Amino acid sequence: MSKVVFGAIVVDMRNKLGGHVFSKNKGGSFMRRKVSPAQPRTSAQTLIRAGMTTLSKRWGGTLLDTQRSAWAAFAQNNPTKDIFGATVVLTGEQTYIRLNQALLMVGATILDDPPADLSVQGVSAFTSAPNGTSPAFTISAITPAPLLATDNYMIWATRQLSPGRESLATYYRFVTNFQGNTSLPFDIKTAYETKFGTLDTDKVLGLGIRVLNTLNGAQSPLFTKRLIVV
């Protein structure tokens, strides 16, 4: 379903409508034909879909009415932002799935009761230098670090792209995670190459880190860098 912001005519429009996709980049708003992608049914896709199925079944069959009511109240008190930055109140079920999906991705315990808050640390800097010659790919420093064992650093990255590629935002995929109290450096080479293939020199990739608080399911914004494989 497309989303539209109306002004005198139309101020902004996103998502799909009638075979077209509406989006925006630094050059302004644009429209393109909708192309249905192939469904490779990767292990990552399968894991996410299985997680959503599990959580939907728990919502309807495991949770008590009092728990569902508590999630509805929690959702009302913790609105989120949509693609335009407008405040949106999700349903209790949407909030339950949204928080718990990330917990399932890192193997943490599902929250059947809403948390007391959505507090989480945010990443403000990290150091990494992917090397296609040695080869090596580690995260040698993160700010803040170390965190608690109940925090997780979630590592996101893009496939390798041409050095002329400026915008990497749409290419980020979840790669791996590690506990907040893990000693650095942290080697992500195997996880990255399993996901995207062998590192090649003179390519560009995006690397991003967010913190997941496993006690409440809250995630910090994704802090990203554009890196050259040397």
Protein backbone atom coordinates (compact mmCIF):
# COMPACT_ATOMS: atom_id res chain seq x y z
CA MET A 1 0.00 0.00 0.00
CA SER A 2 1.39 3.41 -0.92
CA LYS A 3 1.71 6.24 1.59
CA VAL A 4 1.07 9.84 0.55
CA VAL A 5 1.49 13.25 2.16
CA PHE A 6 -0.87 15.78 0.54
CA GLY A 7 -0.11 19.49 0.32
CA ALA A 8 -1.44 21.77 -2.40
CA ILE A 9 -1.14 18.66 -4.57
CA VAL A 10 1.25 15.96 -3.21
CA VAL A 11 4.20 16.68 -0.90
CA ASP A 12 5.61 13.17 -0.62
CA MET A 13 4.65 9.62 -1.57
CA ARG A 14 6.19 6.24 -0.71
CA ASN A 15 5.70 2.50 -1.35
CA LYS A 16 3.71 0.92 -4.19
CA LEU A 17 0.64 1.95 -6.17
CA GLY A 18 -0.72 0.57 -9.45
CA GLY A 19 2.46 -1.12 -10.62
CA HIS A 20 4.73 1.77 -9.63
CA VAL A 21 7.04 2.42 -6.68
CA PHE A 22 7.40 5.88 -5.14
CA SER A 23 10.57 6.79 -3.24
CA LYS A 24 13.02 9.59 -2.52
CA ASN A 25 16.77 10.15 -2.62
CA LYS A 26 19.08 13.17 -2.41
CA GLY A 27 17.97 14.19 -5.89
CA GLY A 28 14.34 14.40 -4.79
CA SER A 29 11.22 12.26 -5.13
CA PHE A 30 10.98 9.75 -7.96
CA MET A 31 8.75 7.01 -9.36
CA ARG A 32 9.77 3.74 -11.05
CA ARG A 33 8.04 0.64 -12.34
CA LYS A 34 7.49 -2.07 -9.77
CA VAL A 35 9.55 -5.18 -10.49
CA SER A 36 8.64 -8.30 -8.56
CA PRO A 37 11.89 -9.79 -7.23
CA ALA A 38 12.72 -13.46 -7.33
CA GLN A 39 12.13 -15.38 -4.12
CA PRO A 40 15.46 -17.10 -3.43
CA ARG A 41 14.17 -18.37 -0.06
CA THR A 42 17.51 -17.84 1.62
CA SER A 43 18.17 -19.09 5.13
CA ALA A 44 17.81 -15.51 6.41
CA GLN A 45 14.39 -15.10 4.75
CA THR A 46 13.27 -18.45 6.08
CA LEU A 47 14.42 -17.58 9.60
CA ILE A 48 12.56 -14.24 9.62
CA ARG A 49 9.36 -15.75 8.25
CA ALA A 50 9.53 -18.62 10.74
CA GLY A 51 10.04 -16.11 13.53
CA MET A 52 6.98 -14.11 12.52
CA THR A 53 4.92 -17.29 12.37
CA THR A 54 6.12 -18.33 15.81
CA LEU A 55 5.33 -14.94 17.33
CA SER A 56 1.90 -14.72 15.67
CA LYS A 57 0.99 -18.14 17.07
CA ARG A 58 2.23 -17.18 20.54
CA TRP A 59 0.17 -13.98 20.41
CA GLY A 60 -3.04 -15.84 19.66
CA GLY A 61 -2.43 -19.10 21.50
CA THR A 62 0.08 -18.63 24.32
CA LEU A 63 -0.41 -15.13 25.70
CA LEU A 64 -3.17 -14.46 28.21
CA ASP A 65 -5.80 -11.78 27.64
CA THR A 66 -4.17 -9.71 30.39
CA GLN A 67 -0.83 -9.89 28.55
CA ARG A 68 -2.38 -8.87 25.22
CA SER A 69 -4.11 -5.94 26.96
CA ALA A 70 -0.80 -4.93 28.53
CA TRP A 71 0.89 -4.94 25.11
CA ALA A 72 -1.92 -2.80 23.67
CA ALA A 73 -1.43 -0.26 26.47
CA PHE A 74 2.35 -0.36 25.99
CA ALA A 75 1.94 0.32 22.26
CA GLN A 76 -0.29 3.32 23.00
CA ASN A 77 2.34 4.75 25.34
CA ASN A 78 5.27 4.08 22.98
CA PRO A 79 4.40 5.32 19.49
CA THR A 80 6.89 4.92 16.65
CA LYS A 81 7.71 6.91 13.50
CA ASP A 82 6.64 6.04 9.96
CA ILE A 83 8.62 6.58 6.74
CA PHE A 84 7.69 10.31 6.74
CA GLY A 85 8.71 10.82 10.37
CA ALA A 86 5.10 11.09 11.51
CA THR A 87 4.06 9.55 14.84
CA VAL A 88 2.26 6.20 14.47
CA VAL A 89 0.68 4.06 17.18
CA LEU A 90 1.04 0.35 16.42
CA THR A 91 -1.29 -2.35 17.68
CA GLY A 92 -0.29 -4.48 20.64
CA GLU A 93 0.40 -7.44 18.35
CA GLN A 94 2.55 -5.35 15.98
CA THR A 95 4.61 -4.08 18.91
CA TYR A 96 4.97 -7.59 20.37
CA ILE A 97 6.26 -8.96 17.05
CA ARG A 98 8.46 -5.94 16.35
CA LEU A 99 10.38 -6.20 19.63
CA ASN A 100 10.58 -9.97 19.73
CA GLN A 101 11.64 -10.47 16.10
CA ALA A 102 15.04 -8.92 16.85
CA LEU A 103 15.38 -11.05 19.99
CA LEU A 104 14.80 -14.20 17.94
CA MET A 105 17.45 -13.08 15.42
CA VAL A 106 20.14 -13.15 18.13
CA GLY A 107 18.82 -16.17 20.02
CA ALA A 108 17.56 -14.20 23.03
CA THR A 109 14.53 -14.99 25.18
CA ILE A 110 11.10 -13.94 23.89
CA LEU A 111 9.27 -11.30 25.93
CA ASP A 112 5.66 -12.34 26.57
CA ASP A 113 5.14 -9.36 28.89
CA PRO A 114 5.85 -5.80 27.72
CA PRO A 115 9.06 -4.26 29.10
CA ALA A 116 9.17 -1.40 31.60
CA ASP A 117 10.86 0.90 29.06
CA LEU A 118 12.71 0.98 25.73
CA SER A 119 16.08 2.20 26.95
CA VAL A 120 19.12 1.26 24.86
CA GLN A 121 22.66 2.52 24.28
CA GLY A 122 23.57 3.89 20.86
CA VAL A 123 26.77 3.40 18.83
CA SER A 124 28.60 6.66 18.07
CA ALA A 125 31.79 5.33 16.43
CA PHE A 126 33.58 2.16 15.34
CA THR A 127 36.78 1.18 13.56
CA SER A 128 37.05 -1.45 10.83
CA ALA A 129 39.30 -1.95 7.80
CA PRO A 130 38.27 -4.81 5.49
CA ASN A 131 41.25 -6.28 3.65
CA GLY A 132 40.92 -8.39 0.52
CA THR A 133 44.62 -9.15 0.21
CA SER A 134 45.48 -10.57 3.65
CA PRO A 135 42.44 -11.21 3.93
CA ALA A 136 40.93 -9.90 7.18
CA PHE A 137 37.76 -8.18 8.35
CA THR A 138 37.48 -7.23 12.01
CA ILE A 139 35.84 -4.58 14.16
CA SER A 140 38.72 -3.32 16.29
CA ALA A 141 36.95 -0.62 18.31
CA ILE A 142 33.41 0.50 19.13
CA THR A 143 32.11 3.45 21.12
CA PRO A 144 30.64 2.68 23.61
CA ALA A 145 32.39 -0.57 24.59
CA PRO A 146 32.22 -2.74 26.52
CA LEU A 147 28.51 -2.98 27.25
CA LEU A 148 26.58 -5.41 29.44
CA ALA A 149 26.24 -9.09 28.55
CA THR A 150 22.50 -8.43 28.12
CA ASP A 151 23.30 -6.05 25.25
CA ASN A 152 24.07 -7.29 21.74
CA TYR A 153 25.98 -5.58 18.95
CA MET A 154 24.02 -6.36 15.78
CA ILE A 155 26.24 -6.18 12.69
CA TRP A 156 24.70 -5.18 9.36
CA ALA A 157 26.52 -4.88 6.05
CA THR A 158 26.06 -4.52 2.31
CA ARG A 159 27.42 -6.62 -0.49
CA GLN A 160 30.52 -5.26 -2.24
CA LEU A 161 29.73 -2.58 -4.79
CA SER A 162 31.45 -0.33 -7.31
CA PRO A 163 33.48 2.52 -5.74
CA GLY A 164 31.25 4.90 -7.68
CA ARG A 165 28.21 3.83 -5.68
CA GLU A 166 27.30 6.60 -3.21
CA SER A 167 24.02 5.49 -1.65
CA LEU A 168 24.21 2.18 0.20
CA ALA A 169 21.14 2.46 2.42
CA THR A 170 18.95 -0.10 0.60
CA TYR A 171 21.62 -2.82 0.57
CA TYR A 172 22.07 -3.44 4.30
CA ARG A 173 21.44 -6.98 5.56
CA PHE A 174 21.91 -8.56 8.97
CA VAL A 175 25.22 -10.45 9.14
CA THR A 176 25.98 -11.49 12.72
CA ASN A 177 25.90 -10.38 16.36
CA PHE A 178 27.97 -10.60 19.51
CA GLN A 179 27.48 -9.83 23.18
CA GLY A 180 28.22 -6.35 24.44
CA ASN A 181 30.90 -7.54 26.87
CA THR A 182 32.88 -9.44 24.19
CA SER A 183 36.56 -8.47 23.97
CA LEU A 184 37.59 -6.64 20.80
CA PRO A 185 38.70 -7.05 18.07
CA PHE A 186 35.76 -9.09 16.78
CA ASP A 187 36.29 -11.06 13.55
CA ILE A 188 33.35 -10.80 11.14
CA LYS A 189 35.15 -12.16 8.03
CA THR A 190 33.57 -15.63 8.04
CA ALA A 191 30.07 -14.30 8.70
CA TYR A 192 30.45 -11.62 6.00
CA GLU A 193 31.83 -13.96 3.34
CA THR A 194 29.19 -16.59 4.11
CA LYS A 195 26.58 -13.92 3.41
CA PHE A 196 28.12 -12.02 0.49
CA GLY A 197 31.13 -13.91 -0.85
CA THR A 198 34.91 -13.41 -0.80
CA LEU A 199 36.29 -9.93 -0.17
CA ASP A 200 37.62 -8.23 -3.32
CA THR A 201 40.07 -5.33 -3.26
CA ASP A 202 39.02 -1.85 -4.42
CA LYS A 203 35.34 -2.52 -3.75
CA VAL A 204 33.01 -0.48 -1.55
CA LEU A 205 30.81 -1.89 1.18
CA GLY A 206 28.69 -0.49 3.96
CA LEU A 207 29.10 -1.64 7.55
CA GLY A 208 26.64 -0.77 10.29
CA ILE A 209 26.23 -1.50 13.99
CA ARG A 210 23.23 -1.14 16.27
CA VAL A 211 22.81 -2.16 19.89
CA LEU A 212 19.98 -4.48 20.92
CA ASN A 213 18.95 -4.51 24.57
CA THR A 214 17.84 -8.11 25.08
CA LEU A 215 16.00 -7.20 28.28
CA ASN A 216 13.44 -5.07 26.43
CA GLY A 217 13.91 -5.68 22.70
CA ALA A 218 14.83 -2.04 22.02
CA GLN A 219 17.28 -1.28 19.19
CA SER A 220 19.45 1.78 18.73
CA PRO A 221 19.63 3.52 15.32
CA LEU A 222 21.96 1.87 12.82
CA PHE A 223 25.35 3.65 12.82
CA THR A 224 26.98 3.11 9.42
CA LYS A 225 30.22 3.66 7.56
CA ARG A 226 31.18 3.44 3.89
CA LEU A 227 34.38 1.37 3.65
CA ILE A 228 36.87 0.57 0.88
CA VAL A 229 38.24 -2.98 0.74
CA VAL A 230 42.03 -2.54 0.51
